[in-house]
PDB file of N, CA and C in Angstrom:
ATOM      1  N   MET A   1      15.517  45.785 219.445  1.00  0.00           N
ATOM      2  CA  MET A   1      14.353  44.926 219.460  1.00  0.00           C
ATOM      3  C   MET A   1      13.567  45.198 218.184  1.00  0.00           C
ATOM      4  N   SER A   2      13.155  44.131 217.546  1.00  0.00           N
ATOM      5  CA  SER A   2      12.434  44.292 216.281  1.00  0.00           C
ATOM      6  C   SER A   2      11.010  44.766 216.555  1.00  0.00           C
ATOM      7  N   GLN A   3      10.379  45.249 215.522  1.00  0.00           N
ATOM      8  CA  GLN A   3       8.996  45.743 215.640  1.00  0.00           C
ATOM      9  C   GLN A   3       8.060  44.629 216.086  1.00  0.00           C
ATOM     10  N   MET A   4       8.294  43.410 215.595  1.00  0.00           N
ATOM     11  CA  MET A   4       7.437  42.285 215.943  1.00  0.00           C
ATOM     12  C   MET A   4       7.558  41.966 217.436  1.00  0.00           C
ATOM     13  N   LYS A   5       8.785  41.998 217.966  1.00  0.00           N
ATOM     14  CA  LYS A   5       8.988  41.721 219.388  1.00  0.00           C
ATOM     15  C   LYS A   5       8.363  42.819 220.237  1.00  0.00           C
ATOM     16  N   LYS A   6       8.489  44.065 219.801  1.00  0.00           N
ATOM     17  CA  LYS A   6       7.865  45.177 220.526  1.00  0.00           C
ATOM     18  C   LYS A   6       6.353  45.007 220.558  1.00  0.00           C
ATOM     19  N   ALA A   7       5.781  44.619 219.423  1.00  0.00           N
ATOM     20  CA  ALA A   7       4.336  44.402 219.362  1.00  0.00           C
ATOM     21  C   ALA A   7       3.924  43.270 220.288  1.00  0.00           C
ATOM     22  N   LEU A   8       4.723  42.232 220.370  1.00  0.00           N
ATOM     23  CA  LEU A   8       4.433  41.105 221.244  1.00  0.00           C
ATOM     24  C   LEU A   8       4.479  41.535 222.716  1.00  0.00           C
ATOM     25  N   VAL A   9       5.452  42.347 223.075  1.00  0.00           N
ATOM     26  CA  VAL A   9       5.557  42.851 224.447  1.00  0.00           C
ATOM     27  C   VAL A   9       4.329  43.703 224.793  1.00  0.00           C
ATOM     28  N   VAL A  10       3.930  44.553 223.865  1.00  0.00           N
ATOM     29  CA  VAL A  10       2.749  45.394 224.086  1.00  0.00           C
ATOM     30  C   VAL A  10       1.512  44.522 224.243  1.00  0.00           C
ATOM     31  N   ALA A  11       1.367  43.506 223.409  1.00  0.00           N
ATOM     32  CA  ALA A  11       0.215  42.609 223.488  1.00  0.00           C
ATOM     33  C   ALA A  11       0.183  41.888 224.835  1.00  0.00           C
ATOM     34  N   GLU A  12       1.337  41.451 225.320  1.00  0.00           N
ATOM     35  CA  GLU A  12       1.396  40.785 226.620  1.00  0.00           C
ATOM     36  C   GLU A  12       1.017  41.745 227.742  1.00  0.00           C
ATOM     37  N   ASP A  13       1.489  42.981 227.645  1.00  0.00           N
ATOM     38  CA  ASP A  13       1.127  43.991 228.642  1.00  0.00           C
ATOM     39  C   ASP A  13      -0.378  44.242 228.634  1.00  0.00           C
ATOM     40  N   LEU A  14      -0.952  44.318 227.450  1.00  0.00           N
ATOM     41  CA  LEU A  14      -2.394  44.535 227.345  1.00  0.00           C
ATOM     42  C   LEU A  14      -3.172  43.362 227.939  1.00  0.00           C
ATOM     43  N   GLU A  15      -2.666  42.148 227.752  1.00  0.00           N
ATOM     44  CA  GLU A  15      -3.321  40.981 228.345  1.00  0.00           C
ATOM     45  C   GLU A  15      -3.284  41.063 229.868  1.00  0.00           C
ATOM     46  N   ARG A  16      -2.162  41.516 230.435  1.00  0.00           N
ATOM     47  CA  ARG A  16      -2.071  41.675 231.889  1.00  0.00           C
ATOM     48  C   ARG A  16      -3.037  42.746 232.378  1.00  0.00           C
ATOM     49  N   VAL A  17      -3.135  43.834 231.645  1.00  0.00           N
ATOM     50  CA  VAL A  17      -4.071  44.901 232.016  1.00  0.00           C
ATOM     51  C   VAL A  17      -5.504  44.386 231.964  1.00  0.00           C
ATOM     52  N   ALA A  18      -5.830  43.659 230.902  1.00  0.00           N
ATOM     53  CA  ALA A  18      -7.176  43.099 230.771  1.00  0.00           C
ATOM     54  C   ALA A  18      -7.474  42.160 231.935  1.00  0.00           C
ATOM     55  N   GLY A  19      -6.497  41.347 232.330  1.00  0.00           N
ATOM     56  CA  GLY A  19      -6.678  40.452 233.469  1.00  0.00           C
ATOM     57  C   GLY A  19      -6.925  41.225 234.752  1.00  0.00           C
ATOM     58  N   SER A  20      -6.195  42.306 234.939  1.00  0.00           N
ATOM     59  CA  SER A  20      -6.387  43.143 236.127  1.00  0.00           C
ATOM     60  C   SER A  20      -7.766  43.772 236.135  1.00  0.00           C
ATOM     61  N   ILE A  21      -8.227  44.199 234.982  1.00  0.00           N
ATOM     62  CA  ILE A  21      -9.568  44.788 234.884  1.00  0.00           C
ATOM     63  C   ILE A  21     -10.618  43.733 235.202  1.00  0.00           C
ATOM     64  N   ARG A  22     -10.440  42.513 234.690  1.00  0.00           N
ATOM     65  CA  ARG A  22     -11.380  41.431 235.004  1.00  0.00           C
ATOM     66  C   ARG A  22     -11.413  41.172 236.506  1.00  0.00           C
ATOM     67  N   ASP A  23     -10.248  41.140 237.136  1.00  0.00           N
ATOM     68  CA  ASP A  23     -10.183  40.929 238.582  1.00  0.00           C
ATOM     69  C   ASP A  23     -10.900  42.045 239.335  1.00  0.00           C
ATOM     70  N   LEU A  24     -10.701  43.273 238.890  1.00  0.00           N
ATOM     71  CA  LEU A  24     -11.351  44.419 239.526  1.00  0.00           C
ATOM     72  C   LEU A  24     -12.857  44.334 239.393  1.00  0.00           C
ATOM     73  N   VAL A  25     -13.339  44.007 238.199  1.00  0.00           N
ATOM     74  CA  VAL A  25     -14.780  43.883 237.971  1.00  0.00           C
ATOM     75  C   VAL A  25     -15.353  42.768 238.837  1.00  0.00           C
ATOM     76  N   ALA A  26     -14.650  41.650 238.928  1.00  0.00           N
ATOM     77  CA  ALA A  26     -15.116  40.540 239.761  1.00  0.00           C
ATOM     78  C   ALA A  26     -15.192  40.961 241.221  1.00  0.00           C
ATOM     79  N   ALA A  27     -14.193  41.715 241.673  1.00  0.00           N
ATOM     80  CA  ALA A  27     -14.192  42.186 243.060  1.00  0.00           C
ATOM     81  C   ALA A  27     -15.356  43.146 243.308  1.00  0.00           C
ATOM     82  N   LEU A  28     -15.628  43.997 242.350  1.00  0.00           N
ATOM     83  CA  LEU A  28     -16.740  44.941 242.499  1.00  0.00           C
ATOM     84  C   LEU A  28     -18.079  44.217 242.510  1.00  0.00           C
ATOM     85  N   HIS A  29     -18.199  43.181 241.709  1.00  0.00           N
ATOM     86  CA  HIS A  29     -19.450  42.418 241.679  1.00  0.00           C
ATOM     87  C   HIS A  29     -19.653  41.624 242.960  1.00  0.00           C
ATOM     88  N   SER A  30     -18.575  41.180 243.578  1.00  0.00           N
ATOM     89  CA  SER A  30     -18.716  40.404 244.806  1.00  0.00           C
ATOM     90  C   SER A  30     -19.039  41.304 245.999  1.00  0.00           C
ATOM     91  N   ASN A  31     -18.721  42.571 245.916  1.00  0.00           N
ATOM     92  CA  ASN A  31     -19.008  43.521 246.985  1.00  0.00           C
ATOM     93  C   ASN A  31     -19.524  44.805 246.350  1.00  0.00           C
ATOM     94  N   PRO A  32     -20.810  44.822 245.888  1.00  0.00           N
ATOM     95  CA  PRO A  32     -21.305  45.961 245.117  1.00  0.00           C
ATOM     96  C   PRO A  32     -21.396  47.269 245.891  1.00  0.00           C
ATOM     97  N   GLU A  33     -21.595  47.213 247.203  1.00  0.00           N
ATOM     98  CA  GLU A  33     -21.699  48.452 247.968  1.00  0.00           C
ATOM     99  C   GLU A  33     -20.552  48.539 248.956  1.00  0.00           C
ATOM    100  N   PRO A  34     -19.550  49.329 248.633  1.00  0.00           N
ATOM    101  CA  PRO A  34     -18.454  49.455 249.580  1.00  0.00           C
ATOM    102  C   PRO A  34     -18.932  50.164 250.840  1.00  0.00           C
ATOM    103  N   VAL A  35     -18.343  49.803 251.944  1.00  0.00           N
ATOM    104  CA  VAL A  35     -18.694  50.432 253.215  1.00  0.00           C
ATOM    105  C   VAL A  35     -18.102  51.832 253.209  1.00  0.00           C
ATOM    106  N   LYS A  36     -18.954  52.804 253.440  1.00  0.00           N
ATOM    107  CA  LYS A  36     -18.502  54.189 253.450  1.00  0.00           C
ATOM    108  C   LYS A  36     -18.254  54.618 254.890  1.00  0.00           C
ATOM    109  N   PRO A  37     -17.064  55.114 255.166  1.00  0.00           N
ATOM    110  CA  PRO A  37     -16.808  55.580 256.532  1.00  0.00           C
ATOM    111  C   PRO A  37     -17.633  56.835 256.807  1.00  0.00           C
ATOM    112  N   THR A  38     -18.160  56.906 257.984  1.00  0.00           N
ATOM    113  CA  THR A  38     -18.941  58.084 258.353  1.00  0.00           C
ATOM    114  C   THR A  38     -18.085  58.977 259.230  1.00  0.00           C
ATOM    115  N   GLU A  39     -18.234  60.247 259.033  1.00  0.00           N
ATOM    116  CA  GLU A  39     -17.496  61.208 259.837  1.00  0.00           C
ATOM    117  C   GLU A  39     -18.414  61.737 260.920  1.00  0.00           C
ATOM    118  N   THR A  40     -17.857  61.939 262.090  1.00  0.00           N
ATOM    119  CA  THR A  40     -18.637  62.532 263.158  1.00  0.00           C
ATOM    120  C   THR A  40     -18.732  64.028 262.891  1.00  0.00           C
ATOM    121  N   LYS A  41     -19.658  64.658 263.560  1.00  0.00           N
ATOM    122  CA  LYS A  41     -19.800  66.101 263.376  1.00  0.00           C
ATOM    123  C   LYS A  41     -18.541  66.839 263.804  1.00  0.00           C
ATOM    124  N   ALA A  42     -17.869  66.324 264.823  1.00  0.00           N
ATOM    125  CA  ALA A  42     -16.622  66.956 265.276  1.00  0.00           C
ATOM    126  C   ALA A  42     -15.552  66.867 264.186  1.00  0.00           C
ATOM    127  N   GLU A  43     -15.445  65.699 263.531  1.00  0.00           N
ATOM    128  CA  GLU A  43     -14.469  65.543 262.457  1.00  0.00           C
ATOM    129  C   GLU A  43     -14.794  66.462 261.286  1.00  0.00           C
ATOM    130  N   GLU A  44     -16.092  66.577 260.973  1.00  0.00           N
ATOM    131  CA  GLU A  44     -16.496  67.460 259.879  1.00  0.00           C
ATOM    132  C   GLU A  44     -16.155  68.901 260.213  1.00  0.00           C
ATOM    133  N   LYS A  45     -16.360  69.307 261.472  1.00  0.00           N
ATOM    134  CA  LYS A  45     -16.069  70.674 261.875  1.00  0.00           C
ATOM    135  C   LYS A  45     -14.567  70.950 261.783  1.00  0.00           C
ATOM    136  N   VAL A  46     -13.745  70.012 262.264  1.00  0.00           N
ATOM    137  CA  VAL A  46     -12.294  70.183 262.184  1.00  0.00           C
ATOM    138  C   VAL A  46     -11.870  70.286 260.730  1.00  0.00           C
ATOM    139  N   LYS A  47     -12.443  69.435 259.890  1.00  0.00           N
ATOM    140  CA  LYS A  47     -12.107  69.449 258.470  1.00  0.00           C
ATOM    141  C   LYS A  47     -12.477  70.787 257.845  1.00  0.00           C
ATOM    142  N   SER A  48     -13.680  71.284 258.147  1.00  0.00           N
ATOM    143  CA  SER A  48     -14.106  72.538 257.540  1.00  0.00           C
ATOM    144  C   SER A  48     -13.340  73.728 258.108  1.00  0.00           C
ATOM    145  N   ASP A  49     -12.945  73.639 259.392  1.00  0.00           N
ATOM    146  CA  ASP A  49     -12.187  74.731 259.996  1.00  0.00           C
ATOM    147  C   ASP A  49     -10.773  74.806 259.441  1.00  0.00           C
ATOM    148  N   SER A  50     -10.177  73.657 259.174  1.00  0.00           N
ATOM    149  CA  SER A  50      -8.792  73.661 258.743  1.00  0.00           C
ATOM    150  C   SER A  50      -8.643  73.901 257.243  1.00  0.00           C
ATOM    151  N   GLN A  51      -9.679  73.659 256.479  1.00  0.00           N
ATOM    152  CA  GLN A  51      -9.585  73.787 255.025  1.00  0.00           C
ATOM    153  C   GLN A  51     -10.705  74.685 254.513  1.00  0.00           C
ATOM    154  N   PRO A  52     -10.408  75.962 254.274  1.00  0.00           N
ATOM    155  CA  PRO A  52     -11.441  76.850 253.739  1.00  0.00           C
ATOM    156  C   PRO A  52     -11.832  76.437 252.323  1.00  0.00           C
ATOM    157  N   THR A  53     -13.043  76.767 251.960  1.00  0.00           N
ATOM    158  CA  THR A  53     -13.521  76.444 250.620  1.00  0.00           C
ATOM    159  C   THR A  53     -13.123  77.544 249.647  1.00  0.00           C
ATOM    160  N   LEU A  54     -13.236  77.225 248.367  1.00  0.00           N
ATOM    161  CA  LEU A  54     -12.956  78.216 247.332  1.00  0.00           C
ATOM    162  C   LEU A  54     -13.881  79.419 247.495  1.00  0.00           C
ATOM    163  N   GLU A  55     -15.139  79.156 247.830  1.00  0.00           N
ATOM    164  CA  GLU A  55     -16.104  80.247 247.990  1.00  0.00           C
ATOM    165  C   GLU A  55     -15.725  81.162 249.151  1.00  0.00           C
ATOM    166  N   GLU A  56     -15.225  80.578 250.255  1.00  0.00           N
ATOM    167  CA  GLU A  56     -14.806  81.392 251.396  1.00  0.00           C
ATOM    168  C   GLU A  56     -13.595  82.250 251.029  1.00  0.00           C
ATOM    169  N   LEU A  57     -12.662  81.654 250.321  1.00  0.00           N
ATOM    170  CA  LEU A  57     -11.495  82.422 249.872  1.00  0.00           C
ATOM    171  C   LEU A  57     -11.907  83.548 248.942  1.00  0.00           C
ATOM    172  N   ARG A  58     -12.783  83.227 248.008  1.00  0.00           N
ATOM    173  CA  ARG A  58     -13.244  84.221 247.040  1.00  0.00           C
ATOM    174  C   ARG A  58     -13.910  85.401 247.763  1.00  0.00           C
ATOM    175  N   ALA A  59     -14.742  85.100 248.753  1.00  0.00           N
ATOM    176  CA  ALA A  59     -15.437  86.162 249.490  1.00  0.00           C
ATOM    177  C   ALA A  59     -14.439  87.043 250.243  1.00  0.00           C
ATOM    178  N   LEU A  60     -13.468  86.421 250.893  1.00  0.00           N
ATOM    179  CA  LEU A  60     -12.465  87.181 251.642  1.00  0.00           C
ATOM    180  C   LEU A  60     -11.633  88.059 250.712  1.00  0.00           C
ATOM    181  N   LEU A  61     -11.189  87.485 249.608  1.00  0.00           N
ATOM    182  CA  LEU A  61     -10.371  88.249 248.668  1.00  0.00           C
ATOM    183  C   LEU A  61     -11.183  89.353 247.981  1.00  0.00           C
ATOM    184  N   ARG A  62     -12.465  89.089 247.736  1.00  0.00           N
ATOM    185  CA  ARG A  62     -13.320  90.121 247.143  1.00  0.00           C
ATOM    186  C   ARG A  62     -13.454  91.298 248.106  1.00  0.00           C
ATOM    187  N   THR A  63     -13.610  91.003 249.397  1.00  0.00           N
ATOM    188  CA  THR A  63     -13.708  92.066 250.399  1.00  0.00           C
ATOM    189  C   THR A  63     -12.445  92.918 250.400  1.00  0.00           C
ATOM    190  N   LEU A  64     -11.295  92.250 250.331  1.00  0.00           N
ATOM    191  CA  LEU A  64     -10.035  92.986 250.289  1.00  0.00           C
ATOM    192  C   LEU A  64      -9.947  93.854 249.037  1.00  0.00           C
ATOM    193  N   ALA A  65     -10.348  93.305 247.909  1.00  0.00           N
ATOM    194  CA  ALA A  65     -10.303  94.057 246.651  1.00  0.00           C
ATOM    195  C   ALA A  65     -11.232  95.263 246.714  1.00  0.00           C
ATOM    196  N   GLU A  66     -12.392  95.075 247.324  1.00  0.00           N
ATOM    197  CA  GLU A  66     -13.348  96.190 247.438  1.00  0.00           C
ATOM    198  C   GLU A  66     -12.815  97.293 248.342  1.00  0.00           C
ATOM    199  N   GLN A  67     -11.865  96.945 249.208  1.00  0.00           N
ATOM    200  CA  GLN A  67     -11.243  97.958 250.078  1.00  0.00           C
ATOM    201  C   GLN A  67     -10.036  98.614 249.411  1.00  0.00           C
ATOM    202  N   GLY A  68      -9.860  98.335 248.127  1.00  0.00           N
ATOM    203  CA  GLY A  68      -8.774  98.967 247.392  1.00  0.00           C
ATOM    204  C   GLY A  68      -7.473  98.190 247.419  1.00  0.00           C
ATOM    205  N   LYS A  69      -7.529  96.950 247.839  1.00  0.00           N
ATOM    206  CA  LYS A  69      -6.316  96.147 247.921  1.00  0.00           C
ATOM    207  C   LYS A  69      -6.217  95.137 246.772  1.00  0.00           C
ATOM    208  N   THR A  70      -6.723  95.532 245.622  1.00  0.00           N
ATOM    209  CA  THR A  70      -6.720  94.637 244.459  1.00  0.00           C
ATOM    210  C   THR A  70      -5.312  94.196 244.095  1.00  0.00           C
ATOM    211  N   ALA A  71      -4.372  95.124 244.092  1.00  0.00           N
ATOM    212  CA  ALA A  71      -2.989  94.778 243.748  1.00  0.00           C
ATOM    213  C   ALA A  71      -2.403  93.807 244.769  1.00  0.00           C
ATOM    214  N   ASP A  72      -2.741  94.019 246.047  1.00  0.00           N
ATOM    215  CA  ASP A  72      -2.261  93.110 247.092  1.00  0.00           C
ATOM    216  C   ASP A  72      -2.852  91.710 246.920  1.00  0.00           C
ATOM    217  N   VAL A  73      -4.124  91.644 246.561  1.00  0.00           N
ATOM    218  CA  VAL A  73      -4.790  90.359 246.351  1.00  0.00           C
ATOM    219  C   VAL A  73      -4.134  89.630 245.181  1.00  0.00           C
ATOM    220  N   LYS A  74      -3.904  90.342 244.106  1.00  0.00           N
ATOM    221  CA  LYS A  74      -3.268  89.731 242.933  1.00  0.00           C
ATOM    222  C   LYS A  74      -1.868  89.227 243.281  1.00  0.00           C
ATOM    223  N   ALA A  75      -1.107  90.036 244.003  1.00  0.00           N
ATOM    224  CA  ALA A  75       0.245  89.634 244.403  1.00  0.00           C
ATOM    225  C   ALA A  75       0.199  88.420 245.321  1.00  0.00           C
ATOM    226  N   LEU A  76      -0.774  88.381 246.208  1.00  0.00           N
ATOM    227  CA  LEU A  76      -0.926  87.250 247.119  1.00  0.00           C
ATOM    228  C   LEU A  76      -1.189  85.960 246.348  1.00  0.00           C
ATOM    229  N   ILE A  77      -2.085  86.018 245.397  1.00  0.00           N
ATOM    230  CA  ILE A  77      -2.391  84.837 244.574  1.00  0.00           C
ATOM    231  C   ILE A  77      -1.155  84.406 243.792  1.00  0.00           C
ATOM    232  N   GLN A  78      -0.396  85.369 243.284  1.00  0.00           N
ATOM    233  CA  GLN A  78       0.796  85.052 242.503  1.00  0.00           C
ATOM    234  C   GLN A  78       1.891  84.408 243.341  1.00  0.00           C
ATOM    235  N   THR A  79       1.871  84.625 244.664  1.00  0.00           N
ATOM    236  CA  THR A  79       2.875  83.969 245.514  1.00  0.00           C
ATOM    237  C   THR A  79       2.706  82.455 245.502  1.00  0.00           C
ATOM    238  N   PHE A  80       1.549  81.990 245.052  1.00  0.00           N
ATOM    239  CA  PHE A  80       1.303  80.550 244.948  1.00  0.00           C
ATOM    240  C   PHE A  80       1.622  80.032 243.550  1.00  0.00           C
ATOM    241  N   GLY A  81       2.250  80.870 242.735  1.00  0.00           N
ATOM    242  CA  GLY A  81       2.708  80.454 241.415  1.00  0.00           C
ATOM    243  C   GLY A  81       1.623  80.394 240.364  1.00  0.00           C
ATOM    244  N   VAL A  82       0.505  81.073 240.603  1.00  0.00           N
ATOM    245  CA  VAL A  82      -0.605  81.060 239.654  1.00  0.00           C
ATOM    246  C   VAL A  82      -1.100  82.481 239.444  1.00  0.00           C
ATOM    247  N   GLU A  83      -1.944  82.638 238.447  1.00  0.00           N
ATOM    248  CA  GLU A  83      -2.491  83.957 238.143  1.00  0.00           C
ATOM    249  C   GLU A  83      -3.921  84.131 238.648  1.00  0.00           C
ATOM    250  N   ARG A  84      -4.637  83.011 238.798  1.00  0.00           N
ATOM    251  CA  ARG A  84      -6.050  83.096 239.193  1.00  0.00           C
ATOM    252  C   ARG A  84      -6.290  82.284 240.451  1.00  0.00           C
ATOM    253  N   LEU A  85      -7.251  82.720 241.246  1.00  0.00           N
ATOM    254  CA  LEU A  85      -7.610  82.026 242.471  1.00  0.00           C
ATOM    255  C   LEU A  85      -7.992  80.579 242.191  1.00  0.00           C
ATOM    256  N   THR A  86      -8.712  80.337 241.129  1.00  0.00           N
ATOM    257  CA  THR A  86      -9.159  78.973 240.832  1.00  0.00           C
ATOM    258  C   THR A  86      -8.009  78.039 240.481  1.00  0.00           C
ATOM    259  N   ASP A  87      -6.817  78.593 240.216  1.00  0.00           N
ATOM    260  CA  ASP A  87      -5.659  77.761 239.905  1.00  0.00           C
ATOM    261  C   ASP A  87      -4.820  77.420 241.132  1.00  0.00           C
ATOM    262  N   VAL A  88      -5.159  78.010 242.277  1.00  0.00           N
ATOM    263  CA  VAL A  88      -4.437  77.689 243.507  1.00  0.00           C
ATOM    264  C   VAL A  88      -4.771  76.248 243.884  1.00  0.00           C
ATOM    265  N   PRO A  89      -3.771  75.418 244.144  1.00  0.00           N
ATOM    266  CA  PRO A  89      -4.050  74.035 244.541  1.00  0.00           C
ATOM    267  C   PRO A  89      -4.856  73.994 245.845  1.00  0.00           C
ATOM    268  N   LYS A  90      -5.797  73.066 245.921  1.00  0.00           N
ATOM    269  CA  LYS A  90      -6.665  72.978 247.104  1.00  0.00           C
ATOM    270  C   LYS A  90      -5.873  72.790 248.391  1.00  0.00           C
ATOM    271  N   ASP A  91      -4.758  72.090 248.310  1.00  0.00           N
ATOM    272  CA  ASP A  91      -3.980  71.878 249.524  1.00  0.00           C
ATOM    273  C   ASP A  91      -3.283  73.154 249.999  1.00  0.00           C
ATOM    274  N   GLN A  92      -3.379  74.231 249.220  1.00  0.00           N
ATOM    275  CA  GLN A  92      -2.796  75.514 249.595  1.00  0.00           C
ATOM    276  C   GLN A  92      -3.847  76.515 250.085  1.00  0.00           C
ATOM    277  N   TYR A  93      -5.133  76.105 250.097  1.00  0.00           N
ATOM    278  CA  TYR A  93      -6.205  77.012 250.509  1.00  0.00           C
ATOM    279  C   TYR A  93      -5.997  77.544 251.926  1.00  0.00           C
ATOM    280  N   ALA A  94      -5.590  76.685 252.847  1.00  0.00           N
ATOM    281  CA  ALA A  94      -5.425  77.123 254.235  1.00  0.00           C
ATOM    282  C   ALA A  94      -4.331  78.189 254.334  1.00  0.00           C
ATOM    283  N   ALA A  95      -3.222  77.971 253.629  1.00  0.00           N
ATOM    284  CA  ALA A  95      -2.134  78.949 253.650  1.00  0.00           C
ATOM    285  C   ALA A  95      -2.580  80.276 253.041  1.00  0.00           C
ATOM    286  N   LEU A  96      -3.294  80.206 251.930  1.00  0.00           N
ATOM    287  CA  LEU A  96      -3.797  81.421 251.291  1.00  0.00           C
ATOM    288  C   LEU A  96      -4.756  82.148 252.228  1.00  0.00           C
ATOM    289  N   HIS A  97      -5.623  81.397 252.878  1.00  0.00           N
ATOM    290  CA  HIS A  97      -6.590  81.986 253.800  1.00  0.00           C
ATOM    291  C   HIS A  97      -5.866  82.705 254.944  1.00  0.00           C
ATOM    292  N   THR A  98      -4.847  82.067 255.499  1.00  0.00           N
ATOM    293  CA  THR A  98      -4.079  82.666 256.595  1.00  0.00           C
ATOM    294  C   THR A  98      -3.413  83.961 256.147  1.00  0.00           C
ATOM    295  N   GLN A  99      -2.816  83.948 254.972  1.00  0.00           N
ATOM    296  CA  GLN A  99      -2.145  85.148 254.472  1.00  0.00           C
ATOM    297  C   GLN A  99      -3.138  86.253 254.137  1.00  0.00           C
ATOM    298  N   ALA A 100      -4.300  85.872 253.614  1.00  0.00           N
ATOM    299  CA  ALA A 100      -5.330  86.870 253.303  1.00  0.00           C
ATOM    300  C   ALA A 100      -5.868  87.492 254.584  1.00  0.00           C
ATOM    301  N   LYS A 101      -6.033  86.661 255.608  1.00  0.00           N
ATOM    302  CA  LYS A 101      -6.501  87.190 256.900  1.00  0.00           C
ATOM    303  C   LYS A 101      -5.481  88.174 257.478  1.00  0.00           C
ATOM    304  N   ALA A 102      -4.193  87.853 257.325  1.00  0.00           N
ATOM    305  CA  ALA A 102      -3.151  88.749 257.801  1.00  0.00           C
ATOM    306  C   ALA A 102      -3.213  90.083 257.038  1.00  0.00           C
ATOM    307  N   LEU A 103      -3.436  90.010 255.738  1.00  0.00           N
ATOM    308  CA  LEU A 103      -3.577  91.219 254.935  1.00  0.00           C
ATOM    309  C   LEU A 103      -4.827  91.999 255.361  1.00  0.00           C
ATOM    310  N   ALA A 104      -5.888  91.275 255.651  1.00  0.00           N
ATOM    311  CA  ALA A 104      -7.122  91.920 256.097  1.00  0.00           C
ATOM    312  C   ALA A 104      -6.932  92.604 257.449  1.00  0.00           C
ATOM    313  N   ALA A 105      -6.151  91.972 258.314  1.00  0.00           N
ATOM    314  CA  ALA A 105      -5.933  92.539 259.657  1.00  0.00           C
ATOM    315  C   ALA A 105      -5.224  93.889 259.573  1.00  0.00           C
ATOM    316  N   LYS A 106      -4.422  94.062 258.556  1.00  0.00           N
ATOM    317  CA  LYS A 106      -3.741  95.338 258.368  1.00  0.00           C
ATOM    318  C   LYS A 106      -4.729  96.457 258.076  1.00  0.00           C
ATOM    319  N   GLY A 107      -5.875  96.089 257.470  1.00  0.00           N
ATOM    320  CA  GLY A 107      -6.868  97.085 257.111  1.00  0.00           C
ATOM    321  C   GLY A 107      -8.177  96.918 257.845  1.00  0.00           C
ATOM    322  N   ASP A 108      -8.217  96.010 258.841  1.00  0.00           N
ATOM    323  CA  ASP A 108      -9.421  95.743 259.633  1.00  0.00           C
ATOM    324  C   ASP A 108     -10.610  95.378 258.794  1.00  0.00           C
ATOM    325  N   VAL A 109     -10.513  94.269 258.063  1.00  0.00           N
ATOM    326  CA  VAL A 109     -11.642  93.769 257.268  1.00  0.00           C
ATOM    327  C   VAL A 109     -12.664  93.227 258.222  1.00  0.00           C
TER     328      VAL A 109
END
């Protein structure tokens, strides 16, 4: 394909993208306030119970480290393929929390 034809294909793609953006903007203008689903307190509690926060994990791991289990904490974090707690994917927080609790149970945190 020649450079001119490639440029033409890119220009056509950009026109389609621009059209999609125009459609999106028009849709947003026609409905400026999207309806936000509300969660019940029970749903919020289940959500918070099943997914610990970074701060909760940090506090638990700090307690373990203060009990002399720093090497265990580091090894635990590394089992998730990362070097730092902040690099653990959020969807892995519950698993990390469960494993940290198991480690804590060995030492009665």
